[in-house]
mmCIF file of all heavy atoms, coordinates in Angstrom:
data_MODEL
# 
_entry.id   MODEL 
# 
loop_
_atom_site.group_PDB 
_atom_site.id 
_atom_site.type_symbol 
_atom_site.label_atom_id 
_atom_site.label_alt_id 
_atom_site.label_comp_id 
_atom_site.label_asym_id 
_atom_site.label_entity_id 
_atom_site.label_seq_id 
_atom_site.pdbx_PDB_ins_code 
_atom_site.Cartn_x 
_atom_site.Cartn_y 
_atom_site.Cartn_z 
_atom_site.occupancy 
_atom_site.B_iso_or_equiv 
_atom_site.pdbx_formal_charge 
_atom_site.auth_seq_id 
_atom_site.auth_comp_id 
_atom_site.auth_asym_id 
_atom_site.auth_atom_id 
_atom_site.pdbx_PDB_model_num 
ATOM 1   N N   . GLU A 1 1  ? 8.462   2.696   5.673   1.00 0.00 ? 1  GLU A N   1 
ATOM 2   C CA  . GLU A 1 1  ? 8.857   1.511   6.438   1.00 0.00 ? 1  GLU A CA  1 
ATOM 3   C C   . GLU A 1 1  ? 7.615   0.686   6.713   1.00 0.00 ? 1  GLU A C   1 
ATOM 4   O O   . GLU A 1 1  ? 6.557   1.230   7.038   1.00 0.00 ? 1  GLU A O   1 
ATOM 5   C CB  . GLU A 1 1  ? 9.513   1.901   7.767   1.00 0.00 ? 1  GLU A CB  1 
ATOM 6   C CG  . GLU A 1 1  ? 10.878  2.520   7.615   1.00 0.00 ? 1  GLU A CG  1 
ATOM 7   C CD  . GLU A 1 1  ? 11.552  2.795   8.957   1.00 0.00 ? 1  GLU A CD  1 
ATOM 8   O OE1 . GLU A 1 1  ? 11.054  2.298   9.998   1.00 0.00 ? 1  GLU A OE1 1 
ATOM 9   O OE2 . GLU A 1 1  ? 12.546  3.511   8.957   1.00 0.00 ? 1  GLU A OE2 1 
ATOM 10  N N   . LEU A 1 2  ? 7.751   -0.624  6.583   1.00 0.00 ? 2  LEU A N   1 
ATOM 11  C CA  . LEU A 1 2  ? 6.661   -1.543  6.883   1.00 0.00 ? 2  LEU A CA  1 
ATOM 12  C C   . LEU A 1 2  ? 7.036   -2.383  8.089   1.00 0.00 ? 2  LEU A C   1 
ATOM 13  O O   . LEU A 1 2  ? 8.174   -2.831  8.211   1.00 0.00 ? 2  LEU A O   1 
ATOM 14  C CB  . LEU A 1 2  ? 6.390   -2.453  5.682   1.00 0.00 ? 2  LEU A CB  1 
ATOM 15  C CG  . LEU A 1 2  ? 5.885   -1.763  4.418   1.00 0.00 ? 2  LEU A CG  1 
ATOM 16  C CD1 . LEU A 1 2  ? 5.809   -2.766  3.274   1.00 0.00 ? 2  LEU A CD1 1 
ATOM 17  C CD2 . LEU A 1 2  ? 4.528   -1.128  4.652   1.00 0.00 ? 2  LEU A CD2 1 
ATOM 18  N N   . ASP A 1 3  ? 6.075   -2.579  8.970   1.00 0.00 ? 3  ASP A N   1 
ATOM 19  C CA  . ASP A 1 3  ? 6.266   -3.424  10.150  1.00 0.00 ? 3  ASP A CA  1 
ATOM 20  C C   . ASP A 1 3  ? 5.205   -4.519  10.072  1.00 0.00 ? 3  ASP A C   1 
ATOM 21  O O   . ASP A 1 3  ? 4.006   -4.231  10.129  1.00 0.00 ? 3  ASP A O   1 
ATOM 22  C CB  . ASP A 1 3  ? 6.113   -2.592  11.418  1.00 0.00 ? 3  ASP A CB  1 
ATOM 23  C CG  . ASP A 1 3  ? 6.514   -3.358  12.669  1.00 0.00 ? 3  ASP A CG  1 
ATOM 24  O OD1 . ASP A 1 3  ? 7.040   -4.483  12.544  1.00 0.00 ? 3  ASP A OD1 1 
ATOM 25  O OD2 . ASP A 1 3  ? 6.303   -2.836  13.781  1.00 0.00 ? 3  ASP A OD2 1 
ATOM 26  N N   . SER A 1 4  ? 5.648   -5.767  9.920   1.00 0.00 ? 4  SER A N   1 
ATOM 27  C CA  . SER A 1 4  ? 4.718   -6.863  9.698   1.00 0.00 ? 4  SER A CA  1 
ATOM 28  C C   . SER A 1 4  ? 4.911   -7.976  10.725  1.00 0.00 ? 4  SER A C   1 
ATOM 29  O O   . SER A 1 4  ? 6.025   -8.281  11.123  1.00 0.00 ? 4  SER A O   1 
ATOM 30  C CB  . SER A 1 4  ? 4.918   -7.420  8.286   1.00 0.00 ? 4  SER A CB  1 
ATOM 31  O OG  . SER A 1 4  ? 4.017   -8.463  8.039   1.00 0.00 ? 4  SER A OG  1 
ATOM 32  N N   . LYS A 1 5  ? 3.802   -8.596  11.087  1.00 0.00 ? 5  LYS A N   1 
ATOM 33  C CA  . LYS A 1 5  ? 3.839   -9.725  12.015  1.00 0.00 ? 5  LYS A CA  1 
ATOM 34  C C   . LYS A 1 5  ? 3.873   -11.057 11.265  1.00 0.00 ? 5  LYS A C   1 
ATOM 35  O O   . LYS A 1 5  ? 3.983   -12.103 11.880  1.00 0.00 ? 5  LYS A O   1 
ATOM 36  C CB  . LYS A 1 5  ? 2.621   -9.681  12.936  1.00 0.00 ? 5  LYS A CB  1 
ATOM 37  C CG  . LYS A 1 5  ? 2.632   -8.468  13.845  1.00 0.00 ? 5  LYS A CG  1 
ATOM 38  C CD  . LYS A 1 5  ? 1.407   -8.409  14.719  1.00 0.00 ? 5  LYS A CD  1 
ATOM 39  C CE  . LYS A 1 5  ? 1.456   -7.146  15.570  1.00 0.00 ? 5  LYS A CE  1 
ATOM 40  N NZ  . LYS A 1 5  ? 0.215   -6.919  16.282  1.00 0.00 ? 5  LYS A NZ  1 
ATOM 41  N N   . LEU A 1 6  ? 3.751   -11.024 9.919   1.00 0.00 ? 6  LEU A N   1 
ATOM 42  C CA  . LEU A 1 6  ? 3.842   -12.234 9.119   1.00 0.00 ? 6  LEU A CA  1 
ATOM 43  C C   . LEU A 1 6  ? 4.431   -11.900 7.757   1.00 0.00 ? 6  LEU A C   1 
ATOM 44  O O   . LEU A 1 6  ? 4.403   -10.760 7.313   1.00 0.00 ? 6  LEU A O   1 
ATOM 45  C CB  . LEU A 1 6  ? 2.478   -12.909 8.966   1.00 0.00 ? 6  LEU A CB  1 
ATOM 46  C CG  . LEU A 1 6  ? 1.400   -12.149 8.230   1.00 0.00 ? 6  LEU A CG  1 
ATOM 47  C CD1 . LEU A 1 6  ? 0.405   -13.147 7.675   1.00 0.00 ? 6  LEU A CD1 1 
ATOM 48  C CD2 . LEU A 1 6  ? 0.681   -11.221 9.181   1.00 0.00 ? 6  LEU A CD2 1 
ATOM 49  N N   . ALA A 1 7  ? 5.000   -12.898 7.117   1.00 0.00 ? 7  ALA A N   1 
ATOM 50  C CA  . ALA A 1 7  ? 5.622   -12.714 5.811   1.00 0.00 ? 7  ALA A CA  1 
ATOM 51  C C   . ALA A 1 7  ? 4.558   -12.770 4.717   1.00 0.00 ? 7  ALA A C   1 
ATOM 52  O O   . ALA A 1 7  ? 3.688   -13.636 4.736   1.00 0.00 ? 7  ALA A O   1 
ATOM 53  C CB  . ALA A 1 7  ? 6.675   -13.787 5.566   1.00 0.00 ? 7  ALA A CB  1 
ATOM 54  N N   . LEU A 1 8  ? 4.633   -11.830 3.779   1.00 0.00 ? 8  LEU A N   1 
ATOM 55  C CA  . LEU A 1 8  ? 3.710   -11.773 2.650   1.00 0.00 ? 8  LEU A CA  1 
ATOM 56  C C   . LEU A 1 8  ? 4.542   -11.642 1.374   1.00 0.00 ? 8  LEU A C   1 
ATOM 57  O O   . LEU A 1 8  ? 5.394   -10.753 1.283   1.00 0.00 ? 8  LEU A O   1 
ATOM 58  C CB  . LEU A 1 8  ? 2.764   -10.575 2.777   1.00 0.00 ? 8  LEU A CB  1 
ATOM 59  C CG  . LEU A 1 8  ? 1.877   -10.542 4.022   1.00 0.00 ? 8  LEU A CG  1 
ATOM 60  C CD1 . LEU A 1 8  ? 1.177   -9.209  4.153   1.00 0.00 ? 8  LEU A CD1 1 
ATOM 61  C CD2 . LEU A 1 8  ? 0.862   -11.673 3.976   1.00 0.00 ? 8  LEU A CD2 1 
ATOM 62  N N   . ASN A 1 9  ? 4.290   -12.501 0.401   1.00 0.00 ? 9  ASN A N   1 
ATOM 63  C CA  . ASN A 1 9  ? 5.067   -12.489 -0.838  1.00 0.00 ? 9  ASN A CA  1 
ATOM 64  C C   . ASN A 1 9  ? 4.246   -11.940 -1.993  1.00 0.00 ? 9  ASN A C   1 
ATOM 65  O O   . ASN A 1 9  ? 3.029   -12.106 -2.039  1.00 0.00 ? 9  ASN A O   1 
ATOM 66  C CB  . ASN A 1 9  ? 5.552   -13.899 -1.187  1.00 0.00 ? 9  ASN A CB  1 
ATOM 67  C CG  . ASN A 1 9  ? 6.537   -14.402 -0.162  1.00 0.00 ? 9  ASN A CG  1 
ATOM 68  O OD1 . ASN A 1 9  ? 7.356   -13.655 0.346   1.00 0.00 ? 9  ASN A OD1 1 
ATOM 69  N ND2 . ASN A 1 9  ? 6.445   -15.680 0.145   1.00 0.00 ? 9  ASN A ND2 1 
ATOM 70  N N   . GLY A 1 10 ? 4.929   -11.322 -2.940  1.00 0.00 ? 10 GLY A N   1 
ATOM 71  C CA  . GLY A 1 10 ? 4.276   -10.815 -4.135  1.00 0.00 ? 10 GLY A CA  1 
ATOM 72  C C   . GLY A 1 10 ? 3.281   -9.713  -3.851  1.00 0.00 ? 10 GLY A C   1 
ATOM 73  O O   . GLY A 1 10 ? 2.189   -9.701  -4.419  1.00 0.00 ? 10 GLY A O   1 
ATOM 74  N N   . VAL A 1 11 ? 3.648   -8.769  -3.025  1.00 0.00 ? 11 VAL A N   1 
ATOM 75  C CA  . VAL A 1 11 ? 2.748   -7.687  -2.621  1.00 0.00 ? 11 VAL A CA  1 
ATOM 76  C C   . VAL A 1 11 ? 2.880   -6.506  -3.580  1.00 0.00 ? 11 VAL A C   1 
ATOM 77  O O   . VAL A 1 11 ? 3.985   -6.079  -3.899  1.00 0.00 ? 11 VAL A O   1 
ATOM 78  C CB  . VAL A 1 11 ? 3.053   -7.227  -1.178  1.00 0.00 ? 11 VAL A CB  1 
ATOM 79  C CG1 . VAL A 1 11 ? 2.192   -6.038  -0.794  1.00 0.00 ? 11 VAL A CG1 1 
ATOM 80  C CG2 . VAL A 1 11 ? 2.853   -8.378  -0.208  1.00 0.00 ? 11 VAL A CG2 1 
ATOM 81  N N   . ARG A 1 12 ? 1.768   -5.990  -4.035  1.00 0.00 ? 12 ARG A N   1 
ATOM 82  C CA  . ARG A 1 12 ? 1.748   -4.783  -4.847  1.00 0.00 ? 12 ARG A CA  1 
ATOM 83  C C   . ARG A 1 12 ? 1.120   -3.679  -4.007  1.00 0.00 ? 12 ARG A C   1 
ATOM 84  O O   . ARG A 1 12 ? -0.005  -3.806  -3.541  1.00 0.00 ? 12 ARG A O   1 
ATOM 85  C CB  . ARG A 1 12 ? 0.941   -5.005  -6.117  1.00 0.00 ? 12 ARG A CB  1 
ATOM 86  C CG  . ARG A 1 12 ? 0.930   -3.791  -6.996  1.00 0.00 ? 12 ARG A CG  1 
ATOM 87  C CD  . ARG A 1 12 ? 0.270   -4.064  -8.317  1.00 0.00 ? 12 ARG A CD  1 
ATOM 88  N NE  . ARG A 1 12 ? 0.246   -2.850  -9.091  1.00 0.00 ? 12 ARG A NE  1 
ATOM 89  C CZ  . ARG A 1 12 ? -0.348  -2.730  -10.242 1.00 0.00 ? 12 ARG A CZ  1 
ATOM 90  N NH1 . ARG A 1 12 ? -0.968  -3.758  -10.763 1.00 0.00 ? 12 ARG A NH1 1 
ATOM 91  N NH2 . ARG A 1 12 ? -0.323  -1.596  -10.889 1.00 0.00 ? 12 ARG A NH2 1 
ATOM 92  N N   . ALA A 1 13 ? 1.852   -2.600  -3.803  1.00 0.00 ? 13 ALA A N   1 
ATOM 93  C CA  . ALA A 1 13 ? 1.381   -1.502  -2.962  1.00 0.00 ? 13 ALA A CA  1 
ATOM 94  C C   . ALA A 1 13 ? 0.742   -0.426  -3.822  1.00 0.00 ? 13 ALA A C   1 
ATOM 95  O O   . ALA A 1 13 ? 1.283   -0.026  -4.848  1.00 0.00 ? 13 ALA A O   1 
ATOM 96  C CB  . ALA A 1 13 ? 2.548   -0.929  -2.166  1.00 0.00 ? 13 ALA A CB  1 
ATOM 97  N N   . VAL A 1 14 ? -0.427  0.054   -3.388  1.00 0.00 ? 14 VAL A N   1 
ATOM 98  C CA  . VAL A 1 14 ? -1.160  1.099   -4.096  1.00 0.00 ? 14 VAL A CA  1 
ATOM 99  C C   . VAL A 1 14 ? -1.455  2.228   -3.115  1.00 0.00 ? 14 VAL A C   1 
ATOM 100 O O   . VAL A 1 14 ? -1.931  1.985   -2.001  1.00 0.00 ? 14 VAL A O   1 
ATOM 101 C CB  . VAL A 1 14 ? -2.481  0.541   -4.676  1.00 0.00 ? 14 VAL A CB  1 
ATOM 102 C CG1 . VAL A 1 14 ? -3.282  1.642   -5.343  1.00 0.00 ? 14 VAL A CG1 1 
ATOM 103 C CG2 . VAL A 1 14 ? -2.207  -0.582  -5.658  1.00 0.00 ? 14 VAL A CG2 1 
ATOM 104 N N   . TRP A 1 15 ? -1.163  3.460   -3.522  1.00 0.00 ? 15 TRP A N   1 
ATOM 105 C CA  . TRP A 1 15 ? -1.372  4.650   -2.693  1.00 0.00 ? 15 TRP A CA  1 
ATOM 106 C C   . TRP A 1 15 ? -2.620  5.364   -3.170  1.00 0.00 ? 15 TRP A C   1 
ATOM 107 O O   . TRP A 1 15 ? -2.773  5.649   -4.353  1.00 0.00 ? 15 TRP A O   1 
ATOM 108 C CB  . TRP A 1 15 ? -0.162  5.568   -2.816  1.00 0.00 ? 15 TRP A CB  1 
ATOM 109 C CG  . TRP A 1 15 ? -0.259  6.818   -2.018  1.00 0.00 ? 15 TRP A CG  1 
ATOM 110 C CD1 . TRP A 1 15 ? -0.403  8.085   -2.499  1.00 0.00 ? 15 TRP A CD1 1 
ATOM 111 C CD2 . TRP A 1 15 ? -0.213  6.944   -0.595  1.00 0.00 ? 15 TRP A CD2 1 
ATOM 112 N NE1 . TRP A 1 15 ? -0.439  8.984   -1.470  1.00 0.00 ? 15 TRP A NE1 1 
ATOM 113 C CE2 . TRP A 1 15 ? -0.326  8.301   -0.291  1.00 0.00 ? 15 TRP A CE2 1 
ATOM 114 C CE3 . TRP A 1 15 ? -0.091  6.022   0.437   1.00 0.00 ? 15 TRP A CE3 1 
ATOM 115 C CZ2 . TRP A 1 15 ? -0.319  8.776   1.022   1.00 0.00 ? 15 TRP A CZ2 1 
ATOM 116 C CZ3 . TRP A 1 15 ? -0.078  6.488   1.733   1.00 0.00 ? 15 TRP A CZ3 1 
ATOM 117 C CH2 . TRP A 1 15 ? -0.190  7.844   2.013   1.00 0.00 ? 15 TRP A CH2 1 
ATOM 118 N N   . ILE A 1 16 ? -3.537  5.679   -2.270  1.00 0.00 ? 16 ILE A N   1 
ATOM 119 C CA  . ILE A 1 16 ? -4.762  6.396   -2.622  1.00 0.00 ? 16 ILE A CA  1 
ATOM 120 C C   . ILE A 1 16 ? -4.809  7.691   -1.824  1.00 0.00 ? 16 ILE A C   1 
ATOM 121 O O   . ILE A 1 16 ? -4.821  7.664   -0.594  1.00 0.00 ? 16 ILE A O   1 
ATOM 122 C CB  . ILE A 1 16 ? -6.014  5.545   -2.330  1.00 0.00 ? 16 ILE A CB  1 
ATOM 123 C CG1 . ILE A 1 16 ? -5.971  4.257   -3.142  1.00 0.00 ? 16 ILE A CG1 1 
ATOM 124 C CG2 . ILE A 1 16 ? -7.276  6.341   -2.632  1.00 0.00 ? 16 ILE A CG2 1 
ATOM 125 C CD1 . ILE A 1 16 ? -7.094  3.300   -2.844  1.00 0.00 ? 16 ILE A CD1 1 
ATOM 126 N N   . ASP A 1 17 ? -4.830  8.805   -2.532  1.00 0.00 ? 17 ASP A N   1 
ATOM 127 C CA  . ASP A 1 17 ? -4.946  10.111  -1.904  1.00 0.00 ? 17 ASP A CA  1 
ATOM 128 C C   . ASP A 1 17 ? -6.402  10.539  -2.051  1.00 0.00 ? 17 ASP A C   1 
ATOM 129 O O   . ASP A 1 17 ? -6.839  10.927  -3.124  1.00 0.00 ? 17 ASP A O   1 
ATOM 130 C CB  . ASP A 1 17 ? -4.005  11.111  -2.593  1.00 0.00 ? 17 ASP A CB  1 
ATOM 131 C CG  . ASP A 1 17 ? -4.012  12.457  -1.910  1.00 0.00 ? 17 ASP A CG  1 
ATOM 132 O OD1 . ASP A 1 17 ? -4.892  12.698  -1.056  1.00 0.00 ? 17 ASP A OD1 1 
ATOM 133 O OD2 . ASP A 1 17 ? -3.149  13.279  -2.228  1.00 0.00 ? 17 ASP A OD2 1 
ATOM 134 N N   . ARG A 1 18 ? -7.150  10.465  -0.976  1.00 0.00 ? 18 ARG A N   1 
ATOM 135 C CA  . ARG A 1 18 ? -8.584  10.726  -1.025  1.00 0.00 ? 18 ARG A CA  1 
ATOM 136 C C   . ARG A 1 18 ? -8.902  12.146  -1.493  1.00 0.00 ? 18 ARG A C   1 
ATOM 137 O O   . ARG A 1 18 ? -9.923  12.393  -2.114  1.00 0.00 ? 18 ARG A O   1 
ATOM 138 C CB  . ARG A 1 18 ? -9.199  10.499  0.356   1.00 0.00 ? 18 ARG A CB  1 
ATOM 139 C CG  . ARG A 1 18 ? -10.695 10.781  0.357   1.00 0.00 ? 18 ARG A CG  1 
ATOM 140 C CD  . ARG A 1 18 ? -11.297 10.578  1.690   1.00 0.00 ? 18 ARG A CD  1 
ATOM 141 N NE  . ARG A 1 18 ? -11.334 9.166   2.006   1.00 0.00 ? 18 ARG A NE  1 
ATOM 142 C CZ  . ARG A 1 18 ? -11.721 8.680   3.159   1.00 0.00 ? 18 ARG A CZ  1 
ATOM 143 N NH1 . ARG A 1 18 ? -12.090 9.498   4.111   1.00 0.00 ? 18 ARG A NH1 1 
ATOM 144 N NH2 . ARG A 1 18 ? -11.744 7.400   3.380   1.00 0.00 ? 18 ARG A NH2 1 
ATOM 145 N N   . ALA A 1 19 ? -8.026  13.088  -1.224  1.00 0.00 ? 19 ALA A N   1 
ATOM 146 C CA  . ALA A 1 19 ? -8.316  14.484  -1.534  1.00 0.00 ? 19 ALA A CA  1 
ATOM 147 C C   . ALA A 1 19 ? -8.568  14.702  -3.021  1.00 0.00 ? 19 ALA A C   1 
ATOM 148 O O   . ALA A 1 19 ? -9.439  15.465  -3.396  1.00 0.00 ? 19 ALA A O   1 
ATOM 149 C CB  . ALA A 1 19 ? -7.177  15.365  -1.074  1.00 0.00 ? 19 ALA A CB  1 
ATOM 150 N N   . VAL A 1 20 ? -7.808  14.051  -3.857  1.00 0.00 ? 20 VAL A N   1 
ATOM 151 C CA  . VAL A 1 20 ? -7.973  14.253  -5.294  1.00 0.00 ? 20 VAL A CA  1 
ATOM 152 C C   . VAL A 1 20 ? -8.544  13.021  -5.980  1.00 0.00 ? 20 VAL A C   1 
ATOM 153 O O   . VAL A 1 20 ? -8.650  12.982  -7.187  1.00 0.00 ? 20 VAL A O   1 
ATOM 154 C CB  . VAL A 1 20 ? -6.631  14.648  -5.954  1.00 0.00 ? 20 VAL A CB  1 
ATOM 155 C CG1 . VAL A 1 20 ? -6.201  16.002  -5.493  1.00 0.00 ? 20 VAL A CG1 1 
ATOM 156 C CG2 . VAL A 1 20 ? -5.559  13.623  -5.697  1.00 0.00 ? 20 VAL A CG2 1 
ATOM 157 N N   . LEU A 1 21 ? -8.901  12.016  -5.203  1.00 0.00 ? 21 LEU A N   1 
ATOM 158 C CA  . LEU A 1 21 ? -9.468  10.782  -5.729  1.00 0.00 ? 21 LEU A CA  1 
ATOM 159 C C   . LEU A 1 21 ? -8.618  10.173  -6.825  1.00 0.00 ? 21 LEU A C   1 
ATOM 160 O O   . LEU A 1 21 ? -9.105  9.697   -7.831  1.00 0.00 ? 21 LEU A O   1 
ATOM 161 C CB  . LEU A 1 21 ? -10.896 11.024  -6.233  1.00 0.00 ? 21 LEU A CB  1 
ATOM 162 C CG  . LEU A 1 21 ? -11.891 11.475  -5.170  1.00 0.00 ? 21 LEU A CG  1 
ATOM 163 C CD1 . LEU A 1 21 ? -13.235 11.766  -5.798  1.00 0.00 ? 21 LEU A CD1 1 
ATOM 164 C CD2 . LEU A 1 21 ? -12.043 10.425  -4.081  1.00 0.00 ? 21 LEU A CD2 1 
ATOM 165 N N   . GLN A 1 22 ? -7.312  10.213  -6.630  1.00 0.00 ? 22 GLN A N   1 
ATOM 166 C CA  . GLN A 1 22 ? -6.410  9.578   -7.573  1.00 0.00 ? 22 GLN A CA  1 
ATOM 167 C C   . GLN A 1 22 ? -5.730  8.400   -6.907  1.00 0.00 ? 22 GLN A C   1 
ATOM 168 O O   . GLN A 1 22 ? -5.512  8.411   -5.706  1.00 0.00 ? 22 GLN A O   1 
ATOM 169 C CB  . GLN A 1 22 ? -5.353  10.568  -8.065  1.00 0.00 ? 22 GLN A CB  1 
ATOM 170 C CG  . GLN A 1 22 ? -5.946  11.656  -8.940  1.00 0.00 ? 22 GLN A CG  1 
ATOM 171 C CD  . GLN A 1 22 ? -4.886  12.556  -9.512  1.00 0.00 ? 22 GLN A CD  1 
ATOM 172 O OE1 . GLN A 1 22 ? -3.715  12.399  -9.248  1.00 0.00 ? 22 GLN A OE1 1 
ATOM 173 N NE2 . GLN A 1 22 ? -5.311  13.519  -10.302 1.00 0.00 ? 22 GLN A NE2 1 
ATOM 174 N N   . VAL A 1 23 ? -5.407  7.415   -7.727  1.00 0.00 ? 23 VAL A N   1 
ATOM 175 C CA  . VAL A 1 23 ? -4.747  6.210   -7.244  1.00 0.00 ? 23 VAL A CA  1 
ATOM 176 C C   . VAL A 1 23 ? -3.380  6.129   -7.907  1.00 0.00 ? 23 VAL A C   1 
ATOM 177 O O   . VAL A 1 23 ? -3.263  6.303   -9.110  1.00 0.00 ? 23 VAL A O   1 
ATOM 178 C CB  . VAL A 1 23 ? -5.573  4.953   -7.600  1.00 0.00 ? 23 VAL A CB  1 
ATOM 179 C CG1 . VAL A 1 23 ? -4.856  3.697   -7.166  1.00 0.00 ? 23 VAL A CG1 1 
ATOM 180 C CG2 . VAL A 1 23 ? -6.954  5.039   -6.984  1.00 0.00 ? 23 VAL A CG2 1 
ATOM 181 N N   . TRP A 1 24 ? -2.342  5.902   -7.102  1.00 0.00 ? 24 TRP A N   1 
ATOM 182 C CA  . TRP A 1 24 ? -0.995  5.752   -7.644  1.00 0.00 ? 24 TRP A CA  1 
ATOM 183 C C   . TRP A 1 24 ? -0.412  4.432   -7.191  1.00 0.00 ? 24 TRP A C   1 
ATOM 184 O O   . TRP A 1 24 ? -0.599  4.024   -6.042  1.00 0.00 ? 24 TRP A O   1 
ATOM 185 C CB  . TRP A 1 24 ? -0.065  6.852   -7.127  1.00 0.00 ? 24 TRP A CB  1 
ATOM 186 C CG  . TRP A 1 24 ? -0.359  8.211   -7.643  1.00 0.00 ? 24 TRP A CG  1 
ATOM 187 C CD1 . TRP A 1 24 ? -0.011  8.720   -8.852  1.00 0.00 ? 24 TRP A CD1 1 
ATOM 188 C CD2 . TRP A 1 24 ? -1.067  9.244   -6.973  1.00 0.00 ? 24 TRP A CD2 1 
ATOM 189 N NE1 . TRP A 1 24 ? -0.448  10.010  -8.960  1.00 0.00 ? 24 TRP A NE1 1 
ATOM 190 C CE2 . TRP A 1 24 ? -1.096  10.358  -7.830  1.00 0.00 ? 24 TRP A CE2 1 
ATOM 191 C CE3 . TRP A 1 24 ? -1.684  9.340   -5.734  1.00 0.00 ? 24 TRP A CE3 1 
ATOM 192 C CZ2 . TRP A 1 24 ? -1.711  11.546  -7.489  1.00 0.00 ? 24 TRP A CZ2 1 
ATOM 193 C CZ3 . TRP A 1 24 ? -2.300  10.522  -5.386  1.00 0.00 ? 24 TRP A CZ3 1 
ATOM 194 C CH2 . TRP A 1 24 ? -2.315  11.598  -6.265  1.00 0.00 ? 24 TRP A CH2 1 
# 
């Protein structure tokens, strides 16, 4: 769930798990 105070369009979300230094 995202809670935002302003509208943002064309957002690409990237998840970074520091433990294995991988980006998804």
